[in-house]
Amino acid sequence: MKNVFLFLLLIPILTIAQKKVANSAEEISPLLIGAELPKATVQKTDSTLVSIHDLTNKKKTVLIVYRGGWCPYCNQHLKNVATIESEILNLGYQILAISPDSPSSLSKTLDKDHLNYTLLSDSKGDFLTALGITFEAPLIYKPIINKGSNKINKNFLPVPSVYVINESNKIVFEYIAPDYKHRISEQLLLAALKNVN
């Protein structure tokens, strides 16, 4: 009986601690500035597993979250960031971009968009959901995301976002727009990078 009572007390705590896939892009509950980047394992383009914290620890990072290589708005945004890549690097940042796409789909995006920075795969959505930015994909997108993720992702999309992470894995800036057509401009991103600590 004592164990059952303890378990019932823990249910609200566990529920609060776990992020869930929202019903819509407008209902997401993202981590706030000052929060620590969630710990999760993702895949590189060669399918090797890597910890997000291993990639970002002690490195200032621009982390781009995009819907997938099938999204023209995402591809344009990735290309736009590539035009200021040297300026970002000169400010001491690395660039990582993550989507639910499979590693093979990431490789296609790298080639198609001529990107030099690192793309990562989170097809299961563990990291993206922990960020609080995933939502139930509209029915029309489900076949697309299923194909792009090699049949792993069947139900979620991330809200396109840009995070600036400091050397301590803390979020120091974020741009999150539930309308997938709106992305941060290169000028605003550079201004943010020059002004965050």
N, C-alpha and C. Protein backbone atom coordinates (compact mmCIF):
# COMPACT_ATOMS: atom_id res chain seq x y z
N MET A 1 0.82 -1.20 0.00
CA MET A 1 0.00 0.00 0.00
C MET A 1 0.87 1.26 0.00
N LYS A 2 1.94 1.22 0.80
CA LYS A 2 2.85 2.36 0.89
C LYS A 2 3.47 2.66 -0.47
N ASN A 3 3.87 1.62 -1.21
CA ASN A 3 4.47 1.80 -2.54
C ASN A 3 3.48 2.39 -3.53
N VAL A 4 2.21 1.95 -3.45
CA VAL A 4 1.17 2.48 -4.33
C VAL A 4 0.97 3.97 -4.06
N PHE A 5 0.93 4.35 -2.78
CA PHE A 5 0.76 5.74 -2.40
C PHE A 5 1.91 6.60 -2.92
N LEU A 6 3.15 6.11 -2.78
CA LEU A 6 4.32 6.83 -3.27
C LEU A 6 4.26 7.01 -4.78
N PHE A 7 3.83 5.96 -5.48
CA PHE A 7 3.70 6.03 -6.94
C PHE A 7 2.67 7.08 -7.34
N LEU A 8 1.53 7.11 -6.63
CA LEU A 8 0.49 8.10 -6.94
C LEU A 8 0.98 9.52 -6.71
N LEU A 9 1.83 9.71 -5.70
CA LEU A 9 2.41 11.03 -5.45
C LEU A 9 3.36 11.45 -6.57
N LEU A 10 4.05 10.48 -7.16
CA LEU A 10 5.04 10.78 -8.20
C LEU A 10 4.41 11.05 -9.55
N ILE A 11 3.18 10.61 -9.79
CA ILE A 11 2.56 10.78 -11.11
C ILE A 11 2.54 12.24 -11.56
N PRO A 12 2.09 13.19 -10.72
CA PRO A 12 2.11 14.59 -11.19
C PRO A 12 3.51 15.09 -11.50
N ILE A 13 4.50 14.67 -10.70
CA ILE A 13 5.88 15.10 -10.93
C ILE A 13 6.39 14.55 -12.25
N LEU A 14 6.14 13.28 -12.51
CA LEU A 14 6.58 12.67 -13.77
C LEU A 14 5.90 13.32 -14.96
N THR A 15 4.63 13.64 -14.81
CA THR A 15 3.90 14.27 -15.90
C THR A 15 4.48 15.64 -16.24
N ILE A 16 4.83 16.40 -15.20
CA ILE A 16 5.41 17.73 -15.43
C ILE A 16 6.78 17.60 -16.10
N ALA A 17 7.55 16.60 -15.69
CA ALA A 17 8.92 16.44 -16.19
C ALA A 17 8.96 16.00 -17.65
N GLN A 18 7.93 15.32 -18.10
CA GLN A 18 7.95 14.79 -19.46
C GLN A 18 7.30 15.79 -20.42
N LYS A 19 8.01 16.08 -21.51
CA LYS A 19 7.42 16.91 -22.56
C LYS A 19 6.63 16.00 -23.48
N LYS A 20 5.57 16.52 -24.06
CA LYS A 20 4.74 15.72 -24.95
C LYS A 20 4.58 16.44 -26.27
N VAL A 21 4.13 15.68 -27.26
CA VAL A 21 3.84 16.25 -28.57
C VAL A 21 2.54 17.03 -28.44
N ALA A 22 2.58 18.31 -28.80
CA ALA A 22 1.39 19.17 -28.71
C ALA A 22 0.40 18.83 -29.81
N ASN A 23 -0.83 19.29 -29.65
CA ASN A 23 -1.86 19.05 -30.66
C ASN A 23 -1.67 19.90 -31.91
N SER A 24 -1.07 21.09 -31.74
CA SER A 24 -0.86 21.97 -32.88
C SER A 24 0.39 22.81 -32.63
N ALA A 25 0.86 23.47 -33.69
CA ALA A 25 2.07 24.31 -33.57
C ALA A 25 1.85 25.45 -32.59
N GLU A 26 0.64 25.93 -32.49
CA GLU A 26 0.34 27.05 -31.59
C GLU A 26 0.28 26.62 -30.13
N GLU A 27 0.22 25.33 -29.87
CA GLU A 27 0.08 24.83 -28.50
C GLU A 27 1.38 24.28 -27.92
N ILE A 28 2.51 24.47 -28.61
CA ILE A 28 3.78 23.95 -28.10
C ILE A 28 4.16 24.66 -26.81
N SER A 29 5.04 24.05 -26.05
CA SER A 29 5.49 24.61 -24.79
C SER A 29 7.02 24.53 -24.74
N PRO A 30 7.69 25.43 -25.47
CA PRO A 30 9.15 25.32 -25.60
C PRO A 30 9.90 25.67 -24.33
N LEU A 31 11.11 25.11 -24.23
CA LEU A 31 12.01 25.51 -23.15
C LEU A 31 12.30 27.00 -23.29
N LEU A 32 12.55 27.64 -22.18
CA LEU A 32 12.77 29.08 -22.18
C LEU A 32 14.26 29.41 -22.11
N ILE A 33 14.57 30.66 -22.41
CA ILE A 33 15.94 31.14 -22.29
C ILE A 33 16.41 30.92 -20.85
N GLY A 34 17.63 30.39 -20.72
CA GLY A 34 18.17 30.07 -19.42
C GLY A 34 18.09 28.58 -19.10
N ALA A 35 17.22 27.86 -19.82
CA ALA A 35 17.10 26.42 -19.61
C ALA A 35 18.31 25.70 -20.19
N GLU A 36 18.60 24.54 -19.64
CA GLU A 36 19.69 23.72 -20.17
C GLU A 36 19.19 22.91 -21.35
N LEU A 37 20.03 22.78 -22.35
CA LEU A 37 19.70 21.96 -23.51
C LEU A 37 19.45 20.53 -23.04
N PRO A 38 18.36 19.90 -23.49
CA PRO A 38 18.09 18.52 -23.04
C PRO A 38 19.19 17.56 -23.47
N LYS A 39 19.37 16.51 -22.67
CA LYS A 39 20.31 15.47 -23.03
C LYS A 39 19.57 14.45 -23.88
N ALA A 40 20.14 14.12 -25.02
CA ALA A 40 19.52 13.13 -25.91
C ALA A 40 20.57 12.64 -26.90
N THR A 41 20.29 11.51 -27.48
CA THR A 41 21.16 10.94 -28.50
C THR A 41 20.50 11.12 -29.85
N VAL A 42 21.28 11.58 -30.81
CA VAL A 42 20.80 11.77 -32.18
C VAL A 42 21.77 11.06 -33.13
N GLN A 43 21.48 11.14 -34.43
CA GLN A 43 22.34 10.48 -35.41
C GLN A 43 22.99 11.48 -36.35
N LYS A 44 24.22 11.17 -36.74
CA LYS A 44 24.91 11.95 -37.77
C LYS A 44 24.51 11.41 -39.14
N THR A 45 25.00 12.05 -40.18
CA THR A 45 24.66 11.60 -41.55
C THR A 45 25.18 10.20 -41.86
N ASP A 46 26.21 9.76 -41.15
CA ASP A 46 26.72 8.40 -41.37
C ASP A 46 26.04 7.37 -40.45
N SER A 47 24.96 7.78 -39.79
CA SER A 47 24.13 6.95 -38.91
C SER A 47 24.75 6.67 -37.54
N THR A 48 25.93 7.21 -37.25
CA THR A 48 26.49 7.00 -35.92
C THR A 48 25.70 7.80 -34.90
N LEU A 49 25.56 7.22 -33.70
CA LEU A 49 24.85 7.87 -32.62
C LEU A 49 25.79 8.83 -31.89
N VAL A 50 25.26 9.97 -31.48
CA VAL A 50 26.06 10.95 -30.78
C VAL A 50 25.18 11.70 -29.78
N SER A 51 25.74 12.02 -28.66
CA SER A 51 25.04 12.80 -27.65
C SER A 51 25.06 14.28 -28.06
N ILE A 52 23.91 14.92 -27.96
CA ILE A 52 23.84 16.36 -28.24
C ILE A 52 24.84 17.11 -27.34
N HIS A 53 24.90 16.73 -26.08
CA HIS A 53 25.81 17.42 -25.15
C HIS A 53 27.27 17.22 -25.53
N ASP A 54 27.61 16.07 -26.11
CA ASP A 54 28.98 15.88 -26.57
C ASP A 54 29.32 16.86 -27.70
N LEU A 55 28.32 17.19 -28.51
CA LEU A 55 28.53 18.11 -29.63
C LEU A 55 28.58 19.57 -29.18
N THR A 56 27.84 19.89 -28.12
CA THR A 56 27.70 21.30 -27.74
C THR A 56 28.51 21.69 -26.50
N ASN A 57 28.96 20.71 -25.73
CA ASN A 57 29.66 21.02 -24.49
C ASN A 57 30.91 21.86 -24.74
N LYS A 58 30.98 22.98 -24.03
CA LYS A 58 32.11 23.92 -24.12
C LYS A 58 32.27 24.54 -25.51
N LYS A 59 31.18 24.55 -26.28
CA LYS A 59 31.20 25.18 -27.61
C LYS A 59 29.97 26.06 -27.75
N LYS A 60 30.18 27.31 -28.14
CA LYS A 60 29.03 28.15 -28.46
C LYS A 60 28.41 27.60 -29.75
N THR A 61 27.08 27.47 -29.75
CA THR A 61 26.41 26.77 -30.84
C THR A 61 25.18 27.50 -31.33
N VAL A 62 25.03 27.55 -32.65
CA VAL A 62 23.77 27.95 -33.27
C VAL A 62 23.10 26.64 -33.68
N LEU A 63 21.95 26.37 -33.09
CA LEU A 63 21.21 25.14 -33.35
C LEU A 63 19.94 25.47 -34.12
N ILE A 64 19.87 24.96 -35.34
CA ILE A 64 18.72 25.21 -36.21
C ILE A 64 17.84 23.96 -36.20
N VAL A 65 16.57 24.13 -35.93
CA VAL A 65 15.61 23.03 -36.02
C VAL A 65 14.76 23.27 -37.26
N TYR A 66 14.74 22.27 -38.15
CA TYR A 66 13.93 22.41 -39.36
C TYR A 66 13.07 21.17 -39.56
N ARG A 67 12.03 21.31 -40.39
CA ARG A 67 11.03 20.25 -40.55
C ARG A 67 11.55 19.07 -41.35
N GLY A 68 12.38 19.33 -42.34
CA GLY A 68 12.92 18.25 -43.16
C GLY A 68 13.37 18.77 -44.51
N GLY A 69 14.17 17.97 -45.20
CA GLY A 69 14.68 18.38 -46.50
C GLY A 69 13.61 18.48 -47.57
N TRP A 70 12.42 18.00 -47.29
CA TRP A 70 11.29 18.07 -48.22
C TRP A 70 10.61 19.44 -48.17
N CYS A 71 10.95 20.26 -47.16
CA CYS A 71 10.28 21.55 -46.94
C CYS A 71 11.04 22.68 -47.65
N PRO A 72 10.44 23.32 -48.66
CA PRO A 72 11.16 24.38 -49.38
C PRO A 72 11.53 25.56 -48.50
N TYR A 73 10.71 25.90 -47.51
CA TYR A 73 11.03 27.00 -46.60
C TYR A 73 12.25 26.66 -45.75
N CYS A 74 12.32 25.40 -45.34
CA CYS A 74 13.47 24.95 -44.54
C CYS A 74 14.74 24.98 -45.38
N ASN A 75 14.66 24.47 -46.60
CA ASN A 75 15.84 24.46 -47.46
C ASN A 75 16.34 25.88 -47.72
N GLN A 76 15.42 26.80 -47.94
CA GLN A 76 15.83 28.19 -48.18
C GLN A 76 16.49 28.77 -46.93
N HIS A 77 15.93 28.46 -45.78
CA HIS A 77 16.51 28.97 -44.53
C HIS A 77 17.91 28.39 -44.30
N LEU A 78 18.09 27.10 -44.54
CA LEU A 78 19.40 26.48 -44.39
C LEU A 78 20.42 27.14 -45.33
N LYS A 79 19.99 27.43 -46.55
CA LYS A 79 20.88 28.10 -47.52
C LYS A 79 21.19 29.52 -47.06
N ASN A 80 20.18 30.21 -46.52
CA ASN A 80 20.40 31.59 -46.04
C ASN A 80 21.43 31.61 -44.92
N VAL A 81 21.34 30.66 -44.00
CA VAL A 81 22.31 30.59 -42.91
C VAL A 81 23.70 30.30 -43.48
N ALA A 82 23.76 29.48 -44.52
CA ALA A 82 25.05 29.16 -45.15
C ALA A 82 25.73 30.42 -45.70
N THR A 83 24.95 31.42 -46.10
CA THR A 83 25.55 32.64 -46.66
C THR A 83 26.27 33.46 -45.59
N ILE A 84 25.91 33.24 -44.31
CA ILE A 84 26.58 33.97 -43.23
C ILE A 84 27.41 33.02 -42.35
N GLU A 85 27.65 31.82 -42.86
CA GLU A 85 28.38 30.82 -42.07
C GLU A 85 29.74 31.33 -41.61
N SER A 86 30.48 31.96 -42.50
CA SER A 86 31.82 32.41 -42.11
C SER A 86 31.75 33.46 -41.01
N GLU A 87 30.75 34.33 -41.05
CA GLU A 87 30.59 35.34 -40.00
C GLU A 87 30.23 34.69 -38.67
N ILE A 88 29.38 33.66 -38.72
CA ILE A 88 29.00 32.94 -37.51
C ILE A 88 30.23 32.26 -36.91
N LEU A 89 31.00 31.60 -37.75
CA LEU A 89 32.21 30.93 -37.28
C LEU A 89 33.21 31.93 -36.70
N ASN A 90 33.33 33.08 -37.34
CA ASN A 90 34.26 34.12 -36.85
C ASN A 90 33.85 34.66 -35.48
N LEU A 91 32.56 34.56 -35.16
CA LEU A 91 32.08 34.99 -33.85
C LEU A 91 32.28 33.89 -32.80
N GLY A 92 32.85 32.76 -33.23
CA GLY A 92 33.16 31.68 -32.29
C GLY A 92 32.11 30.62 -32.12
N TYR A 93 31.13 30.58 -33.01
CA TYR A 93 30.05 29.60 -32.92
C TYR A 93 30.23 28.48 -33.92
N GLN A 94 29.71 27.30 -33.57
CA GLN A 94 29.54 26.23 -34.54
C GLN A 94 28.06 26.22 -34.95
N ILE A 95 27.77 25.61 -36.09
CA ILE A 95 26.39 25.53 -36.56
C ILE A 95 25.99 24.06 -36.65
N LEU A 96 24.87 23.72 -36.00
CA LEU A 96 24.26 22.40 -36.10
C LEU A 96 22.81 22.60 -36.55
N ALA A 97 22.32 21.69 -37.37
CA ALA A 97 20.92 21.73 -37.78
C ALA A 97 20.34 20.34 -37.60
N ILE A 98 19.13 20.29 -37.07
CA ILE A 98 18.51 19.00 -36.75
C ILE A 98 17.07 18.94 -37.24
N SER A 99 16.69 17.76 -37.72
CA SER A 99 15.32 17.53 -38.19
C SER A 99 14.95 16.07 -37.92
N PRO A 100 13.68 15.71 -38.15
CA PRO A 100 13.28 14.31 -38.02
C PRO A 100 13.73 13.44 -39.20
N ASP A 101 14.36 14.02 -40.21
CA ASP A 101 14.81 13.25 -41.37
C ASP A 101 15.80 12.16 -40.96
N SER A 102 15.81 11.08 -41.72
CA SER A 102 16.78 10.00 -41.50
C SER A 102 18.16 10.46 -41.94
N PRO A 103 19.23 9.77 -41.50
CA PRO A 103 20.57 10.14 -41.94
C PRO A 103 20.72 10.18 -43.46
N SER A 104 20.11 9.24 -44.18
CA SER A 104 20.23 9.25 -45.64
C SER A 104 19.54 10.47 -46.25
N SER A 105 18.42 10.88 -45.67
CA SER A 105 17.74 12.09 -46.15
C SER A 105 18.57 13.33 -45.85
N LEU A 106 19.27 13.33 -44.70
CA LEU A 106 20.15 14.46 -44.37
C LEU A 106 21.24 14.61 -45.42
N SER A 107 21.81 13.48 -45.84
CA SER A 107 22.89 13.52 -46.84
C SER A 107 22.40 14.14 -48.13
N LYS A 108 21.17 13.83 -48.51
CA LYS A 108 20.60 14.42 -49.73
C LYS A 108 20.46 15.93 -49.58
N THR A 109 20.03 16.37 -48.40
CA THR A 109 19.89 17.81 -48.15
C THR A 109 21.24 18.50 -48.20
N LEU A 110 22.26 17.88 -47.59
CA LEU A 110 23.61 18.46 -47.63
C LEU A 110 24.07 18.67 -49.07
N ASP A 111 23.87 17.65 -49.89
CA ASP A 111 24.29 17.74 -51.30
C ASP A 111 23.47 18.75 -52.09
N LYS A 112 22.16 18.69 -51.90
CA LYS A 112 21.26 19.55 -52.67
C LYS A 112 21.46 21.03 -52.33
N ASP A 113 21.64 21.32 -51.03
CA ASP A 113 21.74 22.71 -50.60
C ASP A 113 23.18 23.19 -50.47
N HIS A 114 24.15 22.31 -50.76
CA HIS A 114 25.58 22.66 -50.70
C HIS A 114 25.96 23.24 -49.33
N LEU A 115 25.63 22.49 -48.28
CA LEU A 115 25.88 22.96 -46.91
C LEU A 115 27.19 22.39 -46.38
N ASN A 116 27.88 23.19 -45.60
CA ASN A 116 29.14 22.75 -44.98
C ASN A 116 28.96 22.42 -43.51
N TYR A 117 27.88 22.90 -42.90
CA TYR A 117 27.72 22.65 -41.47
C TYR A 117 27.03 21.31 -41.21
N THR A 118 26.99 20.91 -39.94
CA THR A 118 26.55 19.57 -39.54
C THR A 118 25.03 19.46 -39.46
N LEU A 119 24.49 18.42 -40.11
CA LEU A 119 23.07 18.09 -40.01
C LEU A 119 22.93 16.85 -39.13
N LEU A 120 21.90 16.84 -38.31
CA LEU A 120 21.65 15.74 -37.38
C LEU A 120 20.23 15.22 -37.53
N SER A 121 20.05 13.94 -37.21
CA SER A 121 18.76 13.28 -37.33
C SER A 121 18.19 12.96 -35.96
N ASP A 122 16.91 13.31 -35.76
CA ASP A 122 16.16 12.92 -34.57
C ASP A 122 14.81 12.37 -35.01
N SER A 123 14.85 11.26 -35.73
CA SER A 123 13.63 10.68 -36.30
C SER A 123 12.64 10.22 -35.23
N LYS A 124 13.15 9.80 -34.08
CA LYS A 124 12.24 9.38 -33.00
C LYS A 124 11.65 10.58 -32.28
N GLY A 125 12.30 11.73 -32.38
CA GLY A 125 11.79 12.95 -31.78
C GLY A 125 12.08 13.12 -30.30
N ASP A 126 12.98 12.32 -29.75
CA ASP A 126 13.27 12.43 -28.32
C ASP A 126 13.81 13.81 -27.95
N PHE A 127 14.79 14.28 -28.70
CA PHE A 127 15.39 15.59 -28.41
C PHE A 127 14.43 16.72 -28.74
N LEU A 128 13.82 16.66 -29.92
CA LEU A 128 12.91 17.73 -30.35
C LEU A 128 11.71 17.86 -29.41
N THR A 129 11.20 16.73 -28.95
CA THR A 129 10.08 16.77 -28.01
C THR A 129 10.53 17.31 -26.65
N ALA A 130 11.75 16.96 -26.23
CA ALA A 130 12.27 17.49 -24.97
C ALA A 130 12.46 19.00 -25.04
N LEU A 131 12.71 19.53 -26.24
CA LEU A 131 12.78 20.98 -26.42
C LEU A 131 11.40 21.62 -26.28
N GLY A 132 10.34 20.80 -26.41
CA GLY A 132 8.97 21.30 -26.28
C GLY A 132 8.42 21.91 -27.55
N ILE A 133 8.95 21.51 -28.71
CA ILE A 133 8.54 22.16 -29.97
C ILE A 133 7.93 21.20 -30.98
N THR A 134 7.56 19.99 -30.57
CA THR A 134 6.92 19.07 -31.52
C THR A 134 5.40 19.14 -31.38
N PHE A 135 4.74 18.88 -32.49
CA PHE A 135 3.28 18.86 -32.50
C PHE A 135 2.79 17.79 -33.47
N GLU A 136 1.55 17.39 -33.30
CA GLU A 136 0.93 16.36 -34.13
C GLU A 136 0.85 16.87 -35.57
N ALA A 137 1.48 16.13 -36.47
CA ALA A 137 1.51 16.54 -37.88
C ALA A 137 0.12 16.45 -38.50
N PRO A 138 -0.28 17.45 -39.28
CA PRO A 138 -1.53 17.33 -40.02
C PRO A 138 -1.47 16.11 -40.94
N LEU A 139 -2.61 15.53 -41.20
CA LEU A 139 -2.71 14.28 -41.98
C LEU A 139 -1.97 14.37 -43.31
N ILE A 140 -2.03 15.51 -43.97
CA ILE A 140 -1.40 15.67 -45.29
C ILE A 140 0.11 15.47 -45.25
N TYR A 141 0.73 15.75 -44.08
CA TYR A 141 2.19 15.64 -43.96
C TYR A 141 2.67 14.24 -43.56
N LYS A 142 1.78 13.41 -43.05
CA LYS A 142 2.22 12.14 -42.48
C LYS A 142 2.95 11.23 -43.49
N PRO A 143 2.48 11.09 -44.73
CA PRO A 143 3.26 10.27 -45.67
C PRO A 143 4.64 10.87 -45.99
N ILE A 144 4.72 12.20 -45.99
CA ILE A 144 5.99 12.88 -46.29
C ILE A 144 7.00 12.67 -45.18
N ILE A 145 6.57 12.87 -43.93
CA ILE A 145 7.50 12.71 -42.82
C ILE A 145 7.86 11.24 -42.60
N ASN A 146 6.92 10.35 -42.90
CA ASN A 146 7.20 8.92 -42.79
C ASN A 146 8.30 8.52 -43.77
N LYS A 147 8.20 9.02 -44.99
CA LYS A 147 9.23 8.73 -46.01
C LYS A 147 10.56 9.37 -45.65
N GLY A 148 10.53 10.64 -45.25
CA GLY A 148 11.77 11.37 -44.94
C GLY A 148 12.53 10.80 -43.76
N SER A 149 11.81 10.12 -42.85
CA SER A 149 12.45 9.57 -41.65
C SER A 149 12.72 8.07 -41.78
N ASN A 150 12.55 7.53 -42.97
CA ASN A 150 12.74 6.08 -43.17
C ASN A 150 11.73 5.28 -42.34
N LYS A 151 10.49 5.77 -42.31
CA LYS A 151 9.36 5.12 -41.64
C LYS A 151 9.45 5.09 -40.11
N ILE A 152 10.30 5.96 -39.54
CA ILE A 152 10.39 6.02 -38.08
C ILE A 152 9.41 7.04 -37.52
N ASN A 153 9.38 8.24 -38.12
CA ASN A 153 8.47 9.29 -37.66
C ASN A 153 7.15 9.16 -38.41
N LYS A 154 6.11 8.88 -37.67
CA LYS A 154 4.79 8.74 -38.28
C LYS A 154 3.81 9.83 -37.87
N ASN A 155 4.20 10.68 -36.90
CA ASN A 155 3.15 11.56 -36.39
C ASN A 155 3.54 12.98 -36.00
N PHE A 156 4.83 13.37 -35.97
CA PHE A 156 5.12 14.70 -35.43
C PHE A 156 5.92 15.57 -36.41
N LEU A 157 5.79 16.86 -36.19
CA LEU A 157 6.62 17.87 -36.87
C LEU A 157 7.19 18.77 -35.78
N PRO A 158 8.41 19.28 -35.98
CA PRO A 158 8.91 20.30 -35.06
C PRO A 158 8.56 21.69 -35.60
N VAL A 159 8.34 22.62 -34.69
CA VAL A 159 8.20 24.02 -35.10
C VAL A 159 9.59 24.51 -35.46
N PRO A 160 9.78 25.08 -36.66
CA PRO A 160 11.11 25.59 -37.03
C PRO A 160 11.60 26.61 -36.00
N SER A 161 12.85 26.43 -35.57
CA SER A 161 13.38 27.24 -34.48
C SER A 161 14.88 27.43 -34.65
N VAL A 162 15.39 28.47 -34.01
CA VAL A 162 16.83 28.67 -33.92
C VAL A 162 17.15 28.95 -32.46
N TYR A 163 18.12 28.20 -31.94
CA TYR A 163 18.58 28.38 -30.56
C TYR A 163 20.05 28.79 -30.60
N VAL A 164 20.41 29.67 -29.67
CA VAL A 164 21.82 29.97 -29.45
C VAL A 164 22.15 29.39 -28.08
N ILE A 165 23.17 28.53 -28.06
CA ILE A 165 23.55 27.80 -26.85
C ILE A 165 24.95 28.26 -26.42
N ASN A 166 25.12 28.51 -25.12
CA ASN A 166 26.45 28.92 -24.65
C ASN A 166 27.31 27.70 -24.31
N GLU A 167 28.52 27.96 -23.84
CA GLU A 167 29.47 26.87 -23.55
C GLU A 167 29.02 25.97 -22.41
N SER A 168 28.04 26.41 -21.63
CA SER A 168 27.52 25.61 -20.52
C SER A 168 26.23 24.89 -20.88
N ASN A 169 25.93 24.81 -22.18
CA ASN A 169 24.72 24.14 -22.68
C ASN A 169 23.43 24.83 -22.25
N LYS A 170 23.49 26.13 -22.01
CA LYS A 170 22.29 26.90 -21.66
C LYS A 170 21.79 27.66 -22.89
N ILE A 171 20.47 27.74 -23.01
CA ILE A 171 19.86 28.52 -24.09
C ILE A 171 19.97 30.00 -23.73
N VAL A 172 20.61 30.78 -24.62
CA VAL A 172 20.77 32.21 -24.35
C VAL A 172 19.97 33.07 -25.34
N PHE A 173 19.45 32.44 -26.38
CA PHE A 173 18.60 33.14 -27.35
C PHE A 173 17.79 32.07 -28.07
N GLU A 174 16.55 32.42 -28.44
CA GLU A 174 15.75 31.48 -29.24
C GLU A 174 14.80 32.26 -30.13
N TYR A 175 14.55 31.69 -31.29
CA TYR A 175 13.57 32.24 -32.23
C TYR A 175 12.69 31.07 -32.64
N ILE A 176 11.43 31.11 -32.23
CA ILE A 176 10.50 30.01 -32.47
C ILE A 176 9.25 30.60 -33.11
N ALA A 177 8.92 30.15 -34.32
CA ALA A 177 7.77 30.70 -35.01
C ALA A 177 6.82 29.57 -35.42
N PRO A 178 5.65 29.45 -34.78
CA PRO A 178 4.71 28.40 -35.15
C PRO A 178 4.29 28.43 -36.62
N ASP A 179 4.34 29.60 -37.26
CA ASP A 179 4.08 29.68 -38.70
C ASP A 179 5.37 29.32 -39.43
N TYR A 180 5.38 28.14 -40.04
CA TYR A 180 6.61 27.61 -40.66
C TYR A 180 7.15 28.47 -41.79
N LYS A 181 6.37 29.41 -42.28
CA LYS A 181 6.84 30.29 -43.36
C LYS A 181 7.72 31.43 -42.83
N HIS A 182 7.69 31.65 -41.53
CA HIS A 182 8.47 32.74 -40.94
C HIS A 182 9.75 32.19 -40.33
N ARG A 183 10.88 32.73 -40.73
CA ARG A 183 12.19 32.32 -40.21
C ARG A 183 12.98 33.55 -39.81
N ILE A 184 13.92 33.38 -38.91
CA ILE A 184 14.76 34.48 -38.48
C ILE A 184 15.63 34.93 -39.66
N SER A 185 15.78 36.23 -39.82
CA SER A 185 16.63 36.74 -40.91
C SER A 185 18.09 36.58 -40.53
N GLU A 186 18.94 36.60 -41.52
CA GLU A 186 20.38 36.49 -41.28
C GLU A 186 20.87 37.68 -40.45
N GLN A 187 20.32 38.87 -40.72
CA GLN A 187 20.75 40.07 -39.99
C GLN A 187 20.39 39.99 -38.51
N LEU A 188 19.17 39.52 -38.22
CA LEU A 188 18.74 39.41 -36.84
C LEU A 188 19.55 38.34 -36.11
N LEU A 189 19.84 37.24 -36.79
CA LEU A 189 20.62 36.17 -36.16
C LEU A 189 22.02 36.68 -35.82
N LEU A 190 22.66 37.37 -36.76
CA LEU A 190 23.99 37.90 -36.48
C LEU A 190 23.97 38.92 -35.35
N ALA A 191 22.94 39.76 -35.33
CA ALA A 191 22.81 40.75 -34.25
C ALA A 191 22.67 40.05 -32.90
N ALA A 192 21.89 38.98 -32.87
CA ALA A 192 21.70 38.23 -31.62
C ALA A 192 23.03 37.62 -31.18
N LEU A 193 23.77 37.05 -32.11
CA LEU A 193 25.04 36.40 -31.77
C LEU A 193 26.05 37.40 -31.22
N LYS A 194 25.99 38.62 -31.71
CA LYS A 194 26.92 39.65 -31.25
C LYS A 194 26.55 40.21 -29.89
N ASN A 195 25.30 39.97 -29.46
CA ASN A 195 24.81 40.62 -28.24
C ASN A 195 24.46 39.68 -27.09
N VAL A 196 24.57 38.37 -27.31
CA VAL A 196 24.29 37.44 -26.21
C VAL A 196 25.58 37.06 -25.51
N ASN A 197 25.45 36.68 -24.26
CA ASN A 197 26.63 36.24 -23.49
C ASN A 197 26.53 34.76 -23.20
